Amino acid sequence: MLTVASDIEVLARFGRALADPIRCRLLLALSEAPAYPSDLADALGISRTRLSNHLACLRDCGLVVTVPDGRRTRYELADERFGHALDDLRSAVVAVETDRTCGDARQEGCC
């Protein structure tokens, strides 16, 4: 049974998806165009097993869907608005980065 998620649940799912750099790269790639897993694995330079785990997470978060295409399965964003949201987030982060400096910027792994 499908249910409508609350605003908090939606944001938490989006945050979970964005918490991993590979999932971010996947979402950005899929915001450009739908793709097949083998093509995504090659483009990202990761194994298909690792890719499969990340795609499963994105499916569970409701951000990507599978589309049967003959004997293959194509992935795409569940809603084209996610692509626009990613663009908006990137713009906002760029604005924050130019206005603020992390106090631990000299420390490796910070920001």
Protein backbone atom coordinates (compact mmCIF):
# COMPACT_ATOMS: atom_id res chain seq x y z
CA MET A 1 0.00 0.00 0.00
CA LEU A 2 1.37 3.41 -0.96
CA THR A 3 1.13 6.21 1.59
CA VAL A 4 2.04 9.86 1.42
CA ALA A 5 5.12 10.61 3.48
CA SER A 6 5.18 13.56 5.85
CA ASP A 7 7.42 16.53 5.13
CA ILE A 8 9.87 15.36 7.79
CA GLU A 9 10.04 11.84 6.32
CA VAL A 10 10.63 13.21 2.84
CA LEU A 11 13.47 15.44 4.00
CA ALA A 12 15.02 12.63 6.05
CA ARG A 13 14.96 10.31 3.03
CA PHE A 14 16.51 12.97 0.82
CA GLY A 15 19.17 13.60 3.46
CA ARG A 16 19.93 9.89 3.73
CA ALA A 17 20.38 9.70 -0.03
CA LEU A 18 22.69 12.72 -0.07
CA ALA A 19 24.75 11.45 2.87
CA ASP A 20 26.92 9.31 0.57
CA PRO A 21 29.09 10.74 -2.23
CA ILE A 22 28.36 7.82 -4.57
CA ARG A 23 24.62 8.28 -4.16
CA CYS A 24 25.08 12.00 -4.83
CA ARG A 25 26.95 11.18 -8.03
CA LEU A 26 24.21 8.74 -9.02
CA LEU A 27 21.48 11.29 -8.46
CA LEU A 28 23.38 13.90 -10.45
CA ALA A 29 23.94 11.44 -13.30
CA LEU A 30 20.27 10.45 -13.32
CA SER A 31 19.22 14.10 -13.23
CA GLU A 32 20.96 14.42 -16.61
CA ALA A 33 19.30 11.36 -18.17
CA PRO A 34 17.94 7.91 -17.34
CA ALA A 35 20.60 5.19 -17.47
CA TYR A 36 21.26 1.47 -17.25
CA PRO A 37 23.17 0.08 -14.26
CA SER A 38 26.11 -1.11 -16.35
CA ASP A 39 26.52 2.36 -17.85
CA LEU A 40 26.26 3.99 -14.42
CA ALA A 41 28.86 1.63 -12.94
CA ASP A 42 31.26 2.40 -15.78
CA ALA A 43 30.66 6.15 -15.58
CA LEU A 44 31.21 6.23 -11.81
CA GLY A 45 34.08 3.75 -11.86
CA ILE A 46 32.55 1.41 -9.28
CA SER A 47 31.62 -2.27 -9.27
CA ARG A 48 28.13 -3.30 -10.26
CA THR A 49 27.63 -4.88 -6.84
CA ARG A 50 28.44 -1.63 -5.09
CA LEU A 51 26.27 0.28 -7.53
CA SER A 52 23.39 -2.13 -6.92
CA ASN A 53 23.52 -1.46 -3.17
CA HIS A 54 23.39 2.29 -3.71
CA LEU A 55 20.58 2.05 -6.26
CA ALA A 56 18.61 -0.09 -3.79
CA CYS A 57 19.02 2.62 -1.16
CA LEU A 58 17.84 5.29 -3.59
CA ARG A 59 14.85 3.13 -4.55
CA ASP A 60 14.01 2.55 -0.88
CA CYS A 61 14.20 6.31 -0.31
CA GLY A 62 11.72 6.78 -3.17
CA LEU A 63 14.11 8.90 -5.23
CA VAL A 64 14.68 6.60 -8.20
CA VAL A 65 12.49 4.11 -10.04
CA THR A 66 13.16 1.25 -12.40
CA VAL A 67 11.70 1.16 -15.87
CA PRO A 68 11.62 -2.17 -17.71
CA ASP A 69 13.13 -1.86 -21.18
CA GLY A 70 12.96 -5.21 -22.93
CA ARG A 71 15.31 -7.53 -21.09
CA ARG A 72 17.08 -4.63 -19.37
CA THR A 73 16.10 -2.28 -16.56
CA ARG A 74 16.67 1.44 -16.78
CA TYR A 75 16.89 3.76 -13.78
CA GLU A 76 15.56 7.29 -13.61
CA LEU A 77 14.61 9.86 -11.02
CA ALA A 78 11.20 9.12 -9.51
CA ASP A 79 10.19 12.72 -10.15
CA GLU A 80 11.89 15.25 -12.43
CA ARG A 81 11.55 17.81 -9.63
CA PHE A 82 14.32 15.96 -7.76
CA GLY A 83 16.73 17.14 -10.46
CA HIS A 84 15.62 20.72 -9.91
CA ALA A 85 15.95 20.26 -6.14
CA LEU A 86 19.52 19.01 -6.58
CA ASP A 87 20.34 22.06 -8.68
CA ASP A 88 18.84 24.33 -6.02
CA LEU A 89 20.82 22.59 -3.27
CA ARG A 90 24.06 22.91 -5.22
CA SER A 91 23.39 26.61 -5.75
CA ALA A 92 22.66 27.12 -2.05
CA VAL A 93 25.81 25.27 -1.00
CA VAL A 94 27.92 27.32 -3.39
CA ALA A 95 26.43 30.48 -1.87
CA VAL A 96 27.22 29.27 1.66
CA GLU A 97 30.76 28.25 0.76
CA THR A 98 31.61 31.68 -0.60
CA ASP A 99 30.16 33.43 2.45
CA ARG A 100 31.55 31.21 5.21
CA THR A 101 34.79 29.59 6.18
CA CYS A 102 34.85 26.44 8.23
CA GLY A 103 36.85 26.91 11.42
CA ASP A 104 38.50 23.53 10.86
CA ALA A 105 39.19 24.07 7.14
CA ARG A 106 42.88 23.31 7.68
CA GLN A 107 41.96 19.90 9.14
CA GLU A 108 41.84 17.06 6.64
CA GLY A 109 38.31 15.78 6.04
CA CYS A 110 36.62 19.01 7.05
CA CYS A 111 34.03 20.51 4.72
